[in-house]
Amino acid sequence: MAKPATLQVKMVSTADTGFFYVTKKNPRNLTEKLEMRKYDPVVRKHVVFKESKMK
């Protein structure tokens, strides 16, 4: 079987709350780090989430 093209990445909140989302990314098509605005329920606002490595 072939190796899957997508990897799981952790999206960590820039509000330093420790909250994170887990999403998938295809590193062949998208080489730069992901950065998106999502909801952080700890601060109850939309904030920027940045990609970090999964352990």
C-alpha atoms as a PDB file:
ATOM      1  CA  MET A   1       0.000   0.000   0.000  1.00  0.00           C
ATOM      2  CA  ALA A   2       1.059   3.564  -0.669  1.00  0.00           C
ATOM      3  CA  LYS A   3       1.949   6.093   1.988  1.00  0.00           C
ATOM      4  CA  PRO A   4      -0.869   8.634   2.561  1.00  0.00           C
ATOM      5  CA  ALA A   5      -0.276  12.113   1.142  1.00  0.00           C
ATOM      6  CA  THR A   6      -1.894  14.008   4.024  1.00  0.00           C
ATOM      7  CA  LEU A   7      -0.399  14.569   7.460  1.00  0.00           C
ATOM      8  CA  GLN A   8      -2.124  15.580  10.661  1.00  0.00           C
ATOM      9  CA  VAL A   9      -1.048  18.962  12.030  1.00  0.00           C
ATOM     10  CA  LYS A  10      -1.896  20.743  15.259  1.00  0.00           C
ATOM     11  CA  MET A  11      -3.269  24.289  15.035  1.00  0.00           C
ATOM     12  CA  VAL A  12      -2.334  26.138  18.258  1.00  0.00           C
ATOM     13  CA  SER A  13      -4.038  29.333  19.423  1.00  0.00           C
ATOM     14  CA  THR A  14      -1.933  32.503  19.409  1.00  0.00           C
ATOM     15  CA  ALA A  15      -3.898  33.728  22.458  1.00  0.00           C
ATOM     16  CA  ASP A  16      -1.696  31.400  24.605  1.00  0.00           C
ATOM     17  CA  THR A  17      -4.673  29.531  26.044  1.00  0.00           C
ATOM     18  CA  GLY A  18      -3.358  26.084  25.172  1.00  0.00           C
ATOM     19  CA  PHE A  19      -6.412  25.351  23.020  1.00  0.00           C
ATOM     20  CA  PHE A  20      -5.739  23.611  19.688  1.00  0.00           C
ATOM     21  CA  TYR A  21      -7.447  22.055  16.692  1.00  0.00           C
ATOM     22  CA  VAL A  22      -6.192  19.024  14.743  1.00  0.00           C
ATOM     23  CA  THR A  23      -6.477  19.156  10.959  1.00  0.00           C
ATOM     24  CA  LYS A  24      -4.968  17.560   7.863  1.00  0.00           C
ATOM     25  CA  LYS A  25      -2.520  19.069   5.386  1.00  0.00           C
ATOM     26  CA  ASN A  26      -1.001  17.873   2.113  1.00  0.00           C
ATOM     27  CA  PRO A  27       2.675  18.938   2.311  1.00  0.00           C
ATOM     28  CA  ARG A  28       3.205  18.304  -1.419  1.00  0.00           C
ATOM     29  CA  ASN A  29       0.727  21.031  -2.421  1.00  0.00           C
ATOM     30  CA  LEU A  30       1.013  23.362   0.582  1.00  0.00           C
ATOM     31  CA  THR A  31       4.632  23.751   1.653  1.00  0.00           C
ATOM     32  CA  GLU A  32       4.296  26.786   3.952  1.00  0.00           C
ATOM     33  CA  LYS A  33       2.865  26.650   7.475  1.00  0.00           C
ATOM     34  CA  LEU A  34      -0.880  26.994   7.892  1.00  0.00           C
ATOM     35  CA  GLU A  35      -2.342  30.054   9.581  1.00  0.00           C
ATOM     36  CA  MET A  36      -6.075  30.566   9.947  1.00  0.00           C
ATOM     37  CA  ARG A  37      -8.616  32.428  12.043  1.00  0.00           C
ATOM     38  CA  LYS A  38     -10.755  30.102  14.152  1.00  0.00           C
ATOM     39  CA  TYR A  39     -12.837  30.253  17.317  1.00  0.00           C
ATOM     40  CA  ASP A  40     -11.062  29.857  20.682  1.00  0.00           C
ATOM     41  CA  PRO A  41     -13.671  28.928  23.326  1.00  0.00           C
ATOM     42  CA  VAL A  42     -11.329  29.771  26.227  1.00  0.00           C
ATOM     43  CA  VAL A  43     -11.202  33.494  25.355  1.00  0.00           C
ATOM     44  CA  ARG A  44     -14.552  33.285  23.500  1.00  0.00           C
ATOM     45  CA  LYS A  45     -13.195  35.070  20.408  1.00  0.00           C
ATOM     46  CA  HIS A  46     -11.920  34.321  16.931  1.00  0.00           C
ATOM     47  CA  VAL A  47      -8.114  34.375  16.992  1.00  0.00           C
ATOM     48  CA  VAL A  48      -5.289  33.318  14.676  1.00  0.00           C
ATOM     49  CA  PHE A  49      -4.217  29.680  14.948  1.00  0.00           C
ATOM     50  CA  LYS A  50      -0.760  28.646  13.705  1.00  0.00           C
ATOM     51  CA  GLU A  51       0.501  25.246  12.664  1.00  0.00           C
ATOM     52  CA  SER A  52       2.794  23.267  14.949  1.00  0.00           C
ATOM     53  CA  LYS A  53       4.025  19.668  14.922  1.00  0.00           C
ATOM     54  CA  MET A  54       2.112  16.769  16.448  1.00  0.00           C
ATOM     55  CA  LYS A  55       3.973  14.779  19.099  1.00  0.00           C
END
